Amino acid sequence: MAYTPELIAELEILALYNLDNTQEGLKVHNNASNKAQAAIMRLHDKGLVTQADGGYLTSLGLDAAEHAQALLTILATETSHSS
């Protein structure tokens, strides 16, 4: 499976959620980019967020956001491995 622009947009939305406070949701307003609006709707269709314009993470969404944010942290960390 390849990372498509749609999947990347969904990962970007998941990365915006505050994992330290699950009572804090997101709202993607109608003046947000079409990319963000479509991504949040897909996340809702997949059962990861409670509302079509954002809302709160579902249990599955929380798992996905945790993994997405962990992956970003891992990939953004500079390592000094020598070959």
PDB file of N, CA and C in Angstrom:
ATOM      1  N   MET A   1       0.846  -1.178   0.000  1.00  0.00           N
ATOM      2  CA  MET A   1       0.000   0.000   0.000  1.00  0.00           C
ATOM      3  C   MET A   1       0.891   1.241   0.000  1.00  0.00           C
ATOM      4  N   ALA A   2       0.569   2.146  -0.875  1.00  0.00           N
ATOM      5  CA  ALA A   2       1.336   3.385  -0.985  1.00  0.00           C
ATOM      6  C   ALA A   2       0.647   4.491  -0.197  1.00  0.00           C
ATOM      7  N   TYR A   3       1.414   5.465   0.223  1.00  0.00           N
ATOM      8  CA  TYR A   3       0.863   6.646   0.879  1.00  0.00           C
ATOM      9  C   TYR A   3       0.328   7.578  -0.207  1.00  0.00           C
ATOM     10  N   THR A   4      -0.967   7.707  -0.259  1.00  0.00           N
ATOM     11  CA  THR A   4      -1.606   8.581  -1.237  1.00  0.00           C
ATOM     12  C   THR A   4      -1.753   9.980  -0.627  1.00  0.00           C
ATOM     13  N   PRO A   5      -1.975  10.980  -1.452  1.00  0.00           N
ATOM     14  CA  PRO A   5      -2.215  12.322  -0.905  1.00  0.00           C
ATOM     15  C   PRO A   5      -3.410  12.336   0.067  1.00  0.00           C
ATOM     16  N   GLU A   6      -4.415  11.506  -0.196  1.00  0.00           N
ATOM     17  CA  GLU A   6      -5.575  11.445   0.688  1.00  0.00           C
ATOM     18  C   GLU A   6      -5.204  10.884   2.053  1.00  0.00           C
ATOM     19  N   LEU A   7      -4.409   9.821   2.082  1.00  0.00           N
ATOM     20  CA  LEU A   7      -3.967   9.244   3.351  1.00  0.00           C
ATOM     21  C   LEU A   7      -3.087  10.219   4.128  1.00  0.00           C
ATOM     22  N   ILE A   8      -2.228  10.904   3.425  1.00  0.00           N
ATOM     23  CA  ILE A   8      -1.354  11.880   4.076  1.00  0.00           C
ATOM     24  C   ILE A   8      -2.190  13.005   4.684  1.00  0.00           C
ATOM     25  N   ALA A   9      -3.225  13.452   3.985  1.00  0.00           N
ATOM     26  CA  ALA A   9      -4.101  14.499   4.528  1.00  0.00           C
ATOM     27  C   ALA A   9      -4.803  14.005   5.790  1.00  0.00           C
ATOM     28  N   GLU A  10      -5.210  12.744   5.802  1.00  0.00           N
ATOM     29  CA  GLU A  10      -5.845  12.173   6.993  1.00  0.00           C
ATOM     30  C   GLU A  10      -4.848  12.081   8.150  1.00  0.00           C
ATOM     31  N   LEU A  11      -3.632  11.677   7.862  1.00  0.00           N
ATOM     32  CA  LEU A  11      -2.594  11.628   8.895  1.00  0.00           C
ATOM     33  C   LEU A  11      -2.317  13.016   9.455  1.00  0.00           C
ATOM     34  N   GLU A  12      -2.317  14.016   8.584  1.00  0.00           N
ATOM     35  CA  GLU A  12      -2.090  15.391   9.041  1.00  0.00           C
ATOM     36  C   GLU A  12      -3.192  15.840  10.001  1.00  0.00           C
ATOM     37  N   ILE A  13      -4.433  15.458   9.721  1.00  0.00           N
ATOM     38  CA  ILE A  13      -5.536  15.794  10.628  1.00  0.00           C
ATOM     39  C   ILE A  13      -5.363  15.058  11.949  1.00  0.00           C
ATOM     40  N   LEU A  14      -5.061  13.777  11.897  1.00  0.00           N
ATOM     41  CA  LEU A  14      -4.872  13.002  13.127  1.00  0.00           C
ATOM     42  C   LEU A  14      -3.741  13.572  13.981  1.00  0.00           C
ATOM     43  N   ALA A  15      -2.739  14.137  13.326  1.00  0.00           N
ATOM     44  CA  ALA A  15      -1.601  14.711  14.055  1.00  0.00           C
ATOM     45  C   ALA A  15      -1.987  15.990  14.801  1.00  0.00           C
ATOM     46  N   LEU A  16      -3.108  16.595  14.450  1.00  0.00           N
ATOM     47  CA  LEU A  16      -3.540  17.824  15.108  1.00  0.00           C
ATOM     48  C   LEU A  16      -4.231  17.576  16.447  1.00  0.00           C
ATOM     49  N   TYR A  17      -4.694  16.366  16.672  1.00  0.00           N
ATOM     50  CA  TYR A  17      -5.413  16.083  17.917  1.00  0.00           C
ATOM     51  C   TYR A  17      -4.467  16.082  19.102  1.00  0.00           C
ATOM     52  N   ASN A  18      -4.939  16.648  20.206  1.00  0.00           N
ATOM     53  CA  ASN A  18      -4.181  16.691  21.452  1.00  0.00           C
ATOM     54  C   ASN A  18      -4.428  15.386  22.202  1.00  0.00           C
ATOM     55  N   LEU A  19      -3.438  14.523  22.233  1.00  0.00           N
ATOM     56  CA  LEU A  19      -3.599  13.219  22.874  1.00  0.00           C
ATOM     57  C   LEU A  19      -3.553  13.313  24.394  1.00  0.00           C
ATOM     58  N   ASP A  20      -3.120  14.447  24.912  1.00  0.00           N
ATOM     59  CA  ASP A  20      -3.085  14.639  26.362  1.00  0.00           C
ATOM     60  C   ASP A  20      -4.453  15.009  26.928  1.00  0.00           C
ATOM     61  N   ASN A  21      -5.381  15.377  26.053  1.00  0.00           N
ATOM     62  CA  ASN A  21      -6.715  15.764  26.497  1.00  0.00           C
ATOM     63  C   ASN A  21      -7.746  15.243  25.499  1.00  0.00           C
ATOM     64  N   THR A  22      -8.306  14.078  25.778  1.00  0.00           N
ATOM     65  CA  THR A  22      -9.250  13.465  24.844  1.00  0.00           C
ATOM     66  C   THR A  22     -10.583  14.206  24.806  1.00  0.00           C
ATOM     67  N   GLN A  23     -10.804  15.147  25.726  1.00  0.00           N
ATOM     68  CA  GLN A  23     -12.025  15.955  25.713  1.00  0.00           C
ATOM     69  C   GLN A  23     -11.876  17.189  24.817  1.00  0.00           C
ATOM     70  N   GLU A  24     -10.721  17.310  24.176  1.00  0.00           N
ATOM     71  CA  GLU A  24     -10.466  18.422  23.259  1.00  0.00           C
ATOM     72  C   GLU A  24     -10.616  17.895  21.839  1.00  0.00           C
ATOM     73  N   GLY A  25     -11.587  18.432  21.125  1.00  0.00           N
ATOM     74  CA  GLY A  25     -11.824  17.991  19.752  1.00  0.00           C
ATOM     75  C   GLY A  25     -11.294  18.990  18.745  1.00  0.00           C
ATOM     76  N   LEU A  26     -11.618  18.735  17.501  1.00  0.00           N
ATOM     77  CA  LEU A  26     -11.252  19.629  16.402  1.00  0.00           C
ATOM     78  C   LEU A  26     -12.508  19.993  15.625  1.00  0.00           C
ATOM     79  N   LYS A  27     -12.478  21.146  15.019  1.00  0.00           N
ATOM     80  CA  LYS A  27     -13.553  21.561  14.118  1.00  0.00           C
ATOM     81  C   LYS A  27     -12.901  22.053  12.845  1.00  0.00           C
ATOM     82  N   VAL A  28     -13.247  21.425  11.731  1.00  0.00           N
ATOM     83  CA  VAL A  28     -12.767  21.866  10.424  1.00  0.00           C
ATOM     84  C   VAL A  28     -13.870  22.742   9.835  1.00  0.00           C
ATOM     85  N   HIS A  29     -13.620  24.018   9.794  1.00  0.00           N
ATOM     86  CA  HIS A  29     -14.619  24.988   9.347  1.00  0.00           C
ATOM     87  C   HIS A  29     -14.786  24.939   7.832  1.00  0.00           C
ATOM     88  N   ASN A  30     -15.898  25.484   7.365  1.00  0.00           N
ATOM     89  CA  ASN A  30     -16.174  25.448   5.929  1.00  0.00           C
ATOM     90  C   ASN A  30     -15.242  26.351   5.121  1.00  0.00           C
ATOM     91  N   ASN A  31     -14.446  27.182   5.786  1.00  0.00           N
ATOM     92  CA  ASN A  31     -13.458  27.980   5.053  1.00  0.00           C
ATOM     93  C   ASN A  31     -12.067  27.326   5.080  1.00  0.00           C
ATOM     94  N   ALA A  32     -11.980  26.118   5.653  1.00  0.00           N
ATOM     95  CA  ALA A  32     -10.722  25.366   5.615  1.00  0.00           C
ATOM     96  C   ALA A  32     -10.495  24.864   4.193  1.00  0.00           C
ATOM     97  N   SER A  33      -9.302  24.405   3.936  1.00  0.00           N
ATOM     98  CA  SER A  33      -8.985  23.909   2.592  1.00  0.00           C
ATOM     99  C   SER A  33      -9.884  22.724   2.244  1.00  0.00           C
ATOM    100  N   ASN A  34     -10.131  22.567   0.956  1.00  0.00           N
ATOM    101  CA  ASN A  34     -10.918  21.420   0.483  1.00  0.00           C
ATOM    102  C   ASN A  34     -10.262  20.112   0.911  1.00  0.00           C
ATOM    103  N   LYS A  35      -8.931  20.105   0.920  1.00  0.00           N
ATOM    104  CA  LYS A  35      -8.183  18.916   1.318  1.00  0.00           C
ATOM    105  C   LYS A  35      -8.492  18.533   2.757  1.00  0.00           C
ATOM    106  N   ALA A  36      -8.498  19.518   3.652  1.00  0.00           N
ATOM    107  CA  ALA A  36      -8.783  19.260   5.070  1.00  0.00           C
ATOM    108  C   ALA A  36     -10.238  18.844   5.272  1.00  0.00           C
ATOM    109  N   GLN A  37     -11.156  19.508   4.573  1.00  0.00           N
ATOM    110  CA  GLN A  37     -12.567  19.159   4.695  1.00  0.00           C
ATOM    111  C   GLN A  37     -12.826  17.724   4.218  1.00  0.00           C
ATOM    112  N   ALA A  38     -12.228  17.349   3.106  1.00  0.00           N
ATOM    113  CA  ALA A  38     -12.409  15.994   2.583  1.00  0.00           C
ATOM    114  C   ALA A  38     -11.769  14.966   3.512  1.00  0.00           C
ATOM    115  N   ALA A  39     -10.607  15.303   4.070  1.00  0.00           N
ATOM    116  CA  ALA A  39      -9.906  14.368   4.956  1.00  0.00           C
ATOM    117  C   ALA A  39     -10.716  14.099   6.217  1.00  0.00           C
ATOM    118  N   ILE A  40     -11.283  15.132   6.823  1.00  0.00           N
ATOM    119  CA  ILE A  40     -12.049  14.924   8.051  1.00  0.00           C
ATOM    120  C   ILE A  40     -13.325  14.145   7.759  1.00  0.00           C
ATOM    121  N   MET A  41     -13.918  14.355   6.600  1.00  0.00           N
ATOM    122  CA  MET A  41     -15.108  13.584   6.232  1.00  0.00           C
ATOM    123  C   MET A  41     -14.762  12.102   6.053  1.00  0.00           C
ATOM    124  N   ARG A  42     -13.604  11.834   5.440  1.00  0.00           N
ATOM    125  CA  ARG A  42     -13.181  10.434   5.282  1.00  0.00           C
ATOM    126  C   ARG A  42     -12.904   9.799   6.639  1.00  0.00           C
ATOM    127  N   LEU A  43     -12.285  10.557   7.550  1.00  0.00           N
ATOM    128  CA  LEU A  43     -12.029  10.032   8.894  1.00  0.00           C
ATOM    129  C   LEU A  43     -13.348   9.722   9.602  1.00  0.00           C
ATOM    130  N   HIS A  44     -14.346  10.563   9.399  1.00  0.00           N
ATOM    131  CA  HIS A  44     -15.664  10.311   9.979  1.00  0.00           C
ATOM    132  C   HIS A  44     -16.290   9.062   9.353  1.00  0.00           C
ATOM    133  N   ASP A  45     -16.215   8.956   8.038  1.00  0.00           N
ATOM    134  CA  ASP A  45     -16.761   7.786   7.343  1.00  0.00           C
ATOM    135  C   ASP A  45     -16.101   6.491   7.809  1.00  0.00           C
ATOM    136  N   LYS A  46     -14.836   6.573   8.192  1.00  0.00           N
ATOM    137  CA  LYS A  46     -14.086   5.405   8.668  1.00  0.00           C
ATOM    138  C   LYS A  46     -14.305   5.139  10.149  1.00  0.00           C
ATOM    139  N   GLY A  47     -15.067   6.019  10.811  1.00  0.00           N
ATOM    140  CA  GLY A  47     -15.372   5.829  12.220  1.00  0.00           C
ATOM    141  C   GLY A  47     -14.271   6.276  13.167  1.00  0.00           C
ATOM    142  N   LEU A  48     -13.403   7.179  12.723  1.00  0.00           N
ATOM    143  CA  LEU A  48     -12.300   7.635  13.559  1.00  0.00           C
ATOM    144  C   LEU A  48     -12.616   8.915  14.324  1.00  0.00           C
ATOM    145  N   VAL A  49     -13.569   9.711  13.820  1.00  0.00           N
ATOM    146  CA  VAL A  49     -13.990  10.926  14.515  1.00  0.00           C
ATOM    147  C   VAL A  49     -15.508  10.945  14.604  1.00  0.00           C
ATOM    148  N   THR A  50     -16.027  11.698  15.574  1.00  0.00           N
ATOM    149  CA  THR A  50     -17.458  11.648  15.879  1.00  0.00           C
ATOM    150  C   THR A  50     -18.339  12.486  14.964  1.00  0.00           C
ATOM    151  N   GLN A  51     -17.778  13.477  14.306  1.00  0.00           N
ATOM    152  CA  GLN A  51     -18.569  14.366  13.451  1.00  0.00           C
ATOM    153  C   GLN A  51     -17.929  14.489  12.070  1.00  0.00           C
ATOM    154  N   ALA A  52     -18.753  14.778  11.073  1.00  0.00           N
ATOM    155  CA  ALA A  52     -18.244  14.921   9.705  1.00  0.00           C
ATOM    156  C   ALA A  52     -17.354  16.149   9.540  1.00  0.00           C
ATOM    157  N   ASP A  53     -17.412  17.080  10.508  1.00  0.00           N
ATOM    158  CA  ASP A  53     -16.539  18.257  10.452  1.00  0.00           C
ATOM    159  C   ASP A  53     -15.513  18.238  11.579  1.00  0.00           C
ATOM    160  N   GLY A  54     -15.288  17.067  12.159  1.00  0.00           N
ATOM    161  CA  GLY A  54     -14.278  16.943  13.207  1.00  0.00           C
ATOM    162  C   GLY A  54     -14.823  16.280  14.437  1.00  0.00           C
ATOM    163  N   GLY A  55     -14.977  17.057  15.485  1.00  0.00           N
ATOM    164  CA  GLY A  55     -15.463  16.486  16.735  1.00  0.00           C
ATOM    165  C   GLY A  55     -14.341  15.819  17.502  1.00  0.00           C
ATOM    166  N   TYR A  56     -14.717  14.763  18.196  1.00  0.00           N
ATOM    167  CA  TYR A  56     -13.773  14.045  19.049  1.00  0.00           C
ATOM    168  C   TYR A  56     -13.315  12.765  18.379  1.00  0.00           C
ATOM    169  N   LEU A  57     -12.180  12.259  18.834  1.00  0.00           N
ATOM    170  CA  LEU A  57     -11.709  10.969  18.353  1.00  0.00           C
ATOM    171  C   LEU A  57     -12.557   9.864  18.963  1.00  0.00           C
ATOM    172  N   THR A  58     -12.895   8.869  18.160  1.00  0.00           N
ATOM    173  CA  THR A  58     -13.511   7.669  18.688  1.00  0.00           C
ATOM    174  C   THR A  58     -12.396   6.807  19.288  1.00  0.00           C
ATOM    175  N   SER A  59     -12.744   5.678  19.856  1.00  0.00           N
ATOM    176  CA  SER A  59     -11.725   4.778  20.400  1.00  0.00           C
ATOM    177  C   SER A  59     -10.748   4.357  19.293  1.00  0.00           C
ATOM    178  N   LEU A  60     -11.292   4.012  18.144  1.00  0.00           N
ATOM    179  CA  LEU A  60     -10.444   3.639  17.007  1.00  0.00           C
ATOM    180  C   LEU A  60      -9.624   4.838  16.536  1.00  0.00           C
ATOM    181  N   GLY A  61     -10.242   6.006  16.540  1.00  0.00           N
ATOM    182  CA  GLY A  61      -9.535   7.223  16.137  1.00  0.00           C
ATOM    183  C   GLY A  61      -8.398   7.562  17.073  1.00  0.00           C
ATOM    184  N   LEU A  62      -8.615   7.333  18.371  1.00  0.00           N
ATOM    185  CA  LEU A  62      -7.548   7.578  19.339  1.00  0.00           C
ATOM    186  C   LEU A  62      -6.363   6.657  19.066  1.00  0.00           C
ATOM    187  N   ASP A  63      -6.641   5.393  18.800  1.00  0.00           N
ATOM    188  CA  ASP A  63      -5.558   4.458  18.442  1.00  0.00           C
ATOM    189  C   ASP A  63      -4.820   4.936  17.200  1.00  0.00           C
ATOM    190  N   ALA A  64      -5.581   5.346  16.184  1.00  0.00           N
ATOM    191  CA  ALA A  64      -4.970   5.804  14.932  1.00  0.00           C
ATOM    192  C   ALA A  64      -4.133   7.061  15.153  1.00  0.00           C
ATOM    193  N   ALA A  65      -4.660   8.010  15.931  1.00  0.00           N
ATOM    194  CA  ALA A  65      -3.924   9.258  16.190  1.00  0.00           C
ATOM    195  C   ALA A  65      -2.648   8.977  16.974  1.00  0.00           C
ATOM    196  N   GLU A  66      -2.720   8.072  17.938  1.00  0.00           N
ATOM    197  CA  GLU A  66      -1.519   7.717  18.711  1.00  0.00           C
ATOM    198  C   GLU A  66      -0.457   7.141  17.791  1.00  0.00           C
ATOM    199  N   HIS A  67      -0.855   6.230  16.907  1.00  0.00           N
ATOM    200  CA  HIS A  67       0.109   5.622  15.973  1.00  0.00           C
ATOM    201  C   HIS A  67       0.647   6.653  14.981  1.00  0.00           C
ATOM    202  N   ALA A  68      -0.244   7.500  14.461  1.00  0.00           N
ATOM    203  CA  ALA A  68       0.180   8.519  13.493  1.00  0.00           C
ATOM    204  C   ALA A  68       1.180   9.476  14.120  1.00  0.00           C
ATOM    205  N   GLN A  69       0.895   9.919  15.346  1.00  0.00           N
ATOM    206  CA  GLN A  69       1.793  10.869  16.008  1.00  0.00           C
ATOM    207  C   GLN A  69       3.101  10.197  16.410  1.00  0.00           C
ATOM    208  N   ALA A  70       3.040   8.929  16.806  1.00  0.00           N
ATOM    209  CA  ALA A  70       4.279   8.201  17.130  1.00  0.00           C
ATOM    210  C   ALA A  70       5.149   8.046  15.885  1.00  0.00           C
ATOM    211  N   LEU A  71       4.530   7.726  14.767  1.00  0.00           N
ATOM    212  CA  LEU A  71       5.285   7.578  13.520  1.00  0.00           C
ATOM    213  C   LEU A  71       5.957   8.891  13.131  1.00  0.00           C
ATOM    214  N   LEU A  72       5.226   9.992  13.246  1.00  0.00           N
ATOM    215  CA  LEU A  72       5.823  11.298  12.940  1.00  0.00           C
ATOM    216  C   LEU A  72       7.015  11.589  13.845  1.00  0.00           C
ATOM    217  N   THR A  73       6.878  11.254  15.123  1.00  0.00           N
ATOM    218  CA  THR A  73       7.970  11.477  16.072  1.00  0.00           C
ATOM    219  C   THR A  73       9.190  10.641  15.693  1.00  0.00           C
ATOM    220  N   ILE A  74       8.955   9.391  15.357  1.00  0.00           N
ATOM    221  CA  ILE A  74      10.061   8.491  14.985  1.00  0.00           C
ATOM    222  C   ILE A  74      10.754   8.982  13.726  1.00  0.00           C
ATOM    223  N   LEU A  75       9.965   9.319  12.714  1.00  0.00           N
ATOM    224  CA  LEU A  75      10.549   9.724  11.436  1.00  0.00           C
ATOM    225  C   LEU A  75      11.201  11.114  11.499  1.00  0.00           C
ATOM    226  N   ALA A  76      10.738  11.963  12.396  1.00  0.00           N
ATOM    227  CA  ALA A  76      11.290  13.310  12.500  1.00  0.00           C
ATOM    228  C   ALA A  76      12.553  13.340  13.360  1.00  0.00           C
ATOM    229  N   THR A  77      12.814  12.275  14.090  1.00  0.00           N
ATOM    230  CA  THR A  77      13.979  12.217  14.961  1.00  0.00           C
ATOM    231  C   THR A  77      15.223  11.946  14.132  1.00  0.00           C
ATOM    232  N   GLU A  78      16.187  12.820  14.297  1.00  0.00           N
ATOM    233  CA  GLU A  78      17.448  12.620  13.597  1.00  0.00           C
ATOM    234  C   GLU A  78      18.284  11.603  14.360  1.00  0.00           C
ATOM    235  N   THR A  79      18.812  10.654  13.615  1.00  0.00           N
ATOM    236  CA  THR A  79      19.671   9.658  14.247  1.00  0.00           C
ATOM    237  C   THR A  79      21.080   9.772  13.684  1.00  0.00           C
ATOM    238  N   SER A  80      22.020   9.275  14.446  1.00  0.00           N
ATOM    239  CA  SER A  80      23.412   9.317  13.996  1.00  0.00           C
ATOM    240  C   SER A  80      23.945   7.885  13.881  1.00  0.00           C
ATOM    241  N   HIS A  81      23.248   7.101  13.030  1.00  0.00           N
ATOM    242  CA  HIS A  81      23.717   5.744  12.775  1.00  0.00           C
ATOM    243  C   HIS A  81      24.777   5.787  11.681  1.00  0.00           C
ATOM    244  N   SER A  82      25.869   5.155  11.907  1.00  0.00           N
ATOM    245  CA  SER A  82      26.877   5.101  10.866  1.00  0.00           C
ATOM    246  C   SER A  82      26.910   3.695  10.274  1.00  0.00           C
ATOM    247  N   SER A  83      27.152   3.647   8.996  1.00  0.00           N
ATOM    248  CA  SER A  83      27.162   2.350   8.292  1.00  0.00           C
ATOM    249  C   SER A  83      28.542   1.822   8.137  1.00  0.00           C
TER     250      SER A  83
END
